[in-house]
Protein backbone atom coordinates (compact mmCIF):
# COMPACT_ATOMS: atom_id res chain seq x y z
CA UNK A 1 90.57 107.67 104.38
CA UNK A 2 88.43 109.63 101.95
CA UNK A 3 89.33 108.17 98.57
CA UNK A 4 86.91 110.54 96.84
CA UNK A 5 89.12 113.60 97.30
CA UNK A 6 89.86 114.96 93.81
CA UNK A 7 93.56 114.36 93.08
CA UNK A 8 93.81 117.68 91.21
CA UNK A 9 93.29 119.49 94.52
CA UNK A 10 96.65 118.35 95.85
CA UNK A 11 99.69 120.63 96.05
CA UNK A 12 103.26 119.28 95.89
CA UNK A 13 106.00 121.20 97.70
CA UNK A 14 109.62 120.43 98.65
CA UNK A 15 110.54 121.34 102.23
CA UNK A 16 114.29 122.08 102.51
CA UNK A 17 116.01 120.31 105.41
CA UNK A 18 119.59 120.02 106.67
CA UNK A 19 122.12 121.22 104.07
CA UNK A 20 120.61 119.79 100.91
CA UNK A 21 117.69 117.44 101.70
CA UNK A 22 114.13 117.86 100.52
CA UNK A 23 111.19 116.45 102.48
CA UNK A 24 108.39 116.22 99.92
CA UNK A 25 104.91 117.22 101.05
CA UNK A 26 101.56 116.67 99.31
CA UNK A 27 98.55 118.46 100.80
CA UNK A 28 94.95 119.29 99.98
CA UNK A 29 94.64 122.32 102.24
CA UNK A 30 93.59 120.19 105.21
CA UNK A 31 95.53 116.92 105.23
CA UNK A 32 99.14 116.23 104.29
CA UNK A 33 101.52 113.47 103.32
CA UNK A 34 105.30 113.71 103.69
CA UNK A 35 108.12 111.62 102.25
CA UNK A 36 111.38 110.83 104.07
CA UNK A 37 111.03 113.30 106.97
CA UNK A 38 114.54 113.36 108.38
CA UNK A 39 113.78 116.52 110.39
CA UNK A 40 110.49 116.66 112.27
CA UNK A 41 110.73 120.38 113.03
CA UNK A 42 110.72 121.29 109.34
CA UNK A 43 107.49 119.34 108.90
CA UNK A 44 105.88 120.71 112.06
CA UNK A 45 106.63 124.25 110.86
CA UNK A 46 105.03 123.58 107.48
CA UNK A 47 101.97 121.94 109.06
CA UNK A 48 101.50 124.98 111.30
CA UNK A 49 102.11 127.51 108.53
CA UNK A 50 99.62 125.86 106.19
CA UNK A 51 97.12 124.75 108.88
CA UNK A 52 97.43 121.08 107.93
CA UNK A 53 97.08 117.75 109.72
CA UNK A 54 99.60 115.05 108.85
CA UNK A 55 97.88 111.91 107.55
CA UNK A 56 100.66 109.75 106.09
CA UNK A 57 104.45 109.33 106.09
CA UNK A 58 106.21 107.45 103.28
CA UNK A 59 109.80 106.28 103.86
CA UNK A 60 112.11 105.03 101.09
CA UNK A 61 115.11 103.73 103.06
CA UNK A 62 116.68 103.59 106.51
CA UNK A 63 119.26 106.43 106.47
CA UNK A 64 118.78 108.82 109.38
CA UNK A 65 118.40 111.92 107.19
CA UNK A 66 115.25 110.23 105.85
CA UNK A 67 113.87 108.68 109.05
CA UNK A 68 115.03 110.96 111.87
CA UNK A 69 111.73 112.79 112.26
CA UNK A 70 109.38 109.82 111.90
CA UNK A 71 108.89 108.99 115.59
CA UNK A 72 108.17 112.57 116.67
CA UNK A 73 105.76 113.13 113.78
CA UNK A 74 103.92 109.85 114.34
CA UNK A 75 103.58 110.46 118.08
CA UNK A 76 102.33 114.01 117.63
CA UNK A 77 99.92 113.40 114.74
CA UNK A 78 99.02 109.70 114.65
CA UNK A 79 100.06 109.59 111.00
CA UNK A 80 100.27 106.19 109.29
CA UNK A 81 103.84 105.29 108.37
CA UNK A 82 104.84 103.15 105.37
CA UNK A 83 108.36 101.90 104.71
CA UNK A 84 110.54 99.16 103.20
CA UNK A 85 110.03 95.54 104.17
CA UNK A 86 113.62 94.55 104.90
CA UNK A 87 115.29 97.60 106.46
CA UNK A 88 115.56 98.75 110.07
CA UNK A 89 112.77 101.28 110.54
CA UNK A 90 111.25 103.32 113.39
CA UNK A 91 108.36 101.12 114.52
CA UNK A 92 105.42 100.79 114.23
CA UNK A 93 105.47 100.91 110.44
CA UNK A 94 103.55 99.27 107.62
CA UNK A 95 106.07 97.22 105.66
CA UNK A 96 106.04 97.28 101.86
CA UNK A 97 107.91 95.64 99.01
CA UNK A 98 107.81 95.77 95.23
CA UNK A 99 104.33 95.02 93.91
CA UNK A 100 102.58 96.33 97.02
CA UNK A 101 100.42 99.44 97.05
CA UNK A 102 100.08 102.29 99.53
CA UNK A 103 96.89 104.39 99.54
CA UNK A 104 97.10 107.90 100.95
CA UNK A 105 95.56 111.31 100.25
CA UNK A 106 93.17 109.68 97.78
CA UNK A 107 96.12 108.43 95.72
CA UNK A 108 97.41 104.92 95.09
CA UNK A 109 101.18 104.49 95.12
CA UNK A 110 102.78 101.45 93.49
CA UNK A 111 105.85 100.28 95.39
CA UNK A 112 108.98 99.55 93.34
CA UNK A 113 112.00 97.69 94.72
CA UNK A 114 115.09 99.77 93.89
CA UNK A 115 118.09 98.29 95.77
CA UNK A 116 121.54 99.75 95.25
CA UNK A 117 121.93 102.75 97.52
CA UNK A 118 120.68 100.53 100.34
CA UNK A 119 119.74 96.87 100.11
CA UNK A 120 116.01 97.31 100.73
CA UNK A 121 115.38 100.75 99.18
CA UNK A 122 111.90 101.25 97.71
CA UNK A 123 110.30 103.95 95.56
CA UNK A 124 106.68 105.12 95.39
CA UNK A 125 105.03 105.72 92.02
CA UNK A 126 101.58 107.25 91.52
CA UNK A 127 99.85 107.49 88.14
CA UNK A 128 96.33 108.34 89.34
CA UNK A 129 96.91 112.02 89.99
CA UNK A 130 95.53 113.94 87.01
CA UNK A 131 98.35 115.67 85.24
CA UNK A 132 101.77 113.98 85.37
CA UNK A 133 102.61 110.85 87.38
CA UNK A 134 104.66 111.20 90.57
CA UNK A 135 107.78 109.30 91.62
CA UNK A 136 109.26 109.53 95.11
CA UNK A 137 112.60 107.83 94.57
CA UNK A 138 114.59 108.69 97.70
CA UNK A 139 118.34 108.42 97.02
CA UNK A 140 118.16 106.06 94.03
CA UNK A 141 117.75 108.55 91.17
CA UNK A 142 118.90 112.16 91.33
CA UNK A 143 118.66 114.77 88.63
CA UNK A 144 121.79 114.16 86.60
CA UNK A 145 122.98 111.40 88.93
CA UNK A 146 122.22 108.44 91.17
CA UNK A 147 122.87 107.42 94.76
CA UNK A 148 126.14 105.99 96.02
CA UNK A 149 126.25 102.22 96.32
CA UNK A 150 126.46 101.80 100.08
CA UNK A 151 124.85 98.35 100.28
CA UNK A 152 124.06 97.17 96.75
CA UNK A 153 125.97 96.21 93.63
CA UNK A 154 126.34 98.14 90.37
CA UNK A 155 124.15 95.52 88.65
CA UNK A 156 121.41 96.05 91.24
CA UNK A 157 121.55 99.82 90.91
CA UNK A 158 121.53 99.70 87.13
CA UNK A 159 118.52 97.38 87.25
CA UNK A 160 116.77 99.74 89.67
CA UNK A 161 117.46 102.76 87.48
CA UNK A 162 116.28 100.84 84.42
CA UNK A 163 112.94 100.23 86.14
CA UNK A 164 112.55 103.94 86.86
CA UNK A 165 113.68 104.94 83.36
CA UNK A 166 110.85 102.81 81.95
CA UNK A 167 108.18 104.91 83.69
CA UNK A 168 106.18 107.38 81.56
CA UNK A 169 108.35 110.22 80.27
CA UNK A 170 106.14 112.84 81.93
CA UNK A 171 106.70 111.36 85.41
CA UNK A 172 107.83 113.96 87.93
CA UNK A 173 111.00 112.75 89.64
CA UNK A 174 110.97 113.85 93.28
CA UNK A 175 114.50 113.24 94.51
CA UNK A 176 115.45 113.91 98.11
CA UNK A 177 118.66 115.93 97.67
CA UNK A 178 119.58 119.14 95.88
CA UNK A 179 122.63 117.60 94.22
CA UNK A 180 121.73 118.73 90.72
CA UNK A 181 124.49 121.28 90.03
CA UNK A 182 127.31 119.01 91.17
CA UNK A 183 125.78 116.09 89.29
CA UNK A 184 125.54 118.13 86.09
CA UNK A 185 129.18 119.22 86.38
CA UNK A 186 130.11 115.55 86.36
CA UNK A 187 127.63 114.73 83.59
CA UNK A 188 129.29 117.40 81.42
CA UNK A 189 132.63 115.66 81.96
CA UNK A 190 131.08 112.40 80.73
CA UNK A 191 129.15 113.91 77.81
CA UNK A 192 130.65 117.31 76.90
CA UNK A 193 128.80 117.35 73.56
CA UNK A 194 125.32 116.76 74.96
CA UNK A 195 123.37 119.88 73.93
CA UNK A 196 120.37 119.09 76.13
CA UNK A 197 122.72 118.76 79.10
CA UNK A 198 124.36 122.13 78.41
CA UNK A 199 120.95 123.82 78.23
CA UNK A 200 119.65 122.10 81.35
CA UNK A 201 122.76 123.01 83.34
CA UNK A 202 122.28 126.69 82.45
CA UNK A 203 118.63 126.46 83.51
CA UNK A 204 119.51 124.87 86.85
CA UNK A 205 122.25 127.39 87.60
CA UNK A 206 119.72 130.17 87.06
CA UNK A 207 117.21 128.40 89.33
CA UNK A 208 119.69 128.06 92.19
CA UNK A 209 120.92 131.65 91.85
CA UNK A 210 117.44 132.81 92.87
CA UNK A 211 117.00 130.10 95.50
CA UNK A 212 114.52 127.97 93.54
CA UNK A 213 114.78 124.15 93.71
CA UNK A 214 115.88 122.35 90.55
CA UNK A 215 113.38 119.60 91.41
CA UNK A 216 111.20 117.84 90.53
CA UNK A 217 112.80 116.69 87.30
CA UNK A 218 111.11 114.38 84.78
CA UNK A 219 111.96 110.97 83.39
CA UNK A 220 112.12 112.50 79.91
CA UNK A 221 114.72 115.02 81.03
CA UNK A 222 116.80 112.45 82.90
CA UNK A 223 116.89 110.19 79.83
CA UNK A 224 118.40 113.12 77.95
CA UNK A 225 121.01 114.29 80.46
CA UNK A 226 121.71 111.70 83.18
CA UNK A 227 124.78 109.56 82.37
CA UNK A 228 123.58 106.82 84.73
CA UNK A 229 120.49 106.31 82.55
CA UNK A 230 122.58 106.46 79.37
CA UNK A 231 124.95 103.47 79.67
CA UNK A 232 124.11 102.50 76.08
CA UNK A 233 124.95 105.89 74.55
CA UNK A 234 128.16 106.02 72.49
CA UNK A 235 129.67 109.03 74.25
CA UNK A 236 129.02 107.50 77.70
CA UNK A 237 130.50 104.17 76.62
CA UNK A 238 133.56 105.97 75.23
CA UNK A 239 134.03 107.89 78.50
CA UNK A 240 133.76 104.67 80.53
CA UNK A 241 136.32 102.94 78.32
CA UNK A 242 138.86 105.67 79.04
CA UNK A 243 138.72 104.39 82.63
CA UNK A 244 138.20 100.69 81.91
CA UNK A 245 138.97 99.52 78.36
CA UNK A 246 137.07 96.28 79.05
CA UNK A 247 133.80 98.14 79.76
CA UNK A 248 131.70 96.93 76.85
CA UNK A 249 128.41 95.88 78.49
CA UNK A 250 125.96 98.17 80.30
CA UNK A 251 126.88 97.01 83.82
CA UNK A 252 130.61 97.53 83.21
CA UNK A 253 129.96 100.97 81.72
CA UNK A 254 127.75 101.91 84.67
CA UNK A 255 130.36 100.60 87.13
CA UNK A 256 133.14 102.65 85.56
CA UNK A 257 131.05 105.84 85.47
CA UNK A 258 129.89 105.38 89.08
CA UNK A 259 133.47 104.85 90.27
CA UNK A 260 134.53 107.98 88.38
CA UNK A 261 131.75 109.95 90.05
CA UNK A 262 132.82 108.67 93.49
CA UNK A 263 136.23 110.28 92.99
CA UNK A 264 135.14 113.32 90.94
């Protein structure tokens, strides 16, 4: 790999797939990286349209809407594939866990363990692209929400979200689903008096009305509006205690809010 490529020459684009997925692509006009390619045809179309060659595939977790296109893309392009250490993955793949690094497109990605949605879910964080850092967080953190707990515990998910919330406030949060409007409707139910949330919801509604993605978000924004990053805020605690009067610590508050969201 050519590690001398200037990071500022890279372009970040979300490729819509299925009903509400985004396959994130980084490219420099010649080579490309994609994240969680559930649909190979979407990626092939973008590679052809932009005259790119696929260099690297990053995978965050094992769900088929994130891995379904990996085999076809690898076989057609020879791209290197990185993915979580402990989950069932389309082989061959370079296995990673928290503390490891993945180098691609002249960038270095720090791997963060973020179990909760799945047991071995990982995220990729890059702070050596000039401008704002990048976070590819799969289905752990969404704008205004977080992933369902299919394999992990509330304590694990809260810990994972706390790790991501501690990243620099300017970090661009590249989630893999366009769930923002439904998440914000729920967030308003939790925190009806959150002015930043009201303003952000109006912004996102306007974005979707003209077909523009609401993503990427930022860590700063999510700390202002995402109830799952705000378990210590008085209004969120009060909302949780309407469901579970014993919810006094952060995990109990998170658990109550997540259960409410499951049934919202």
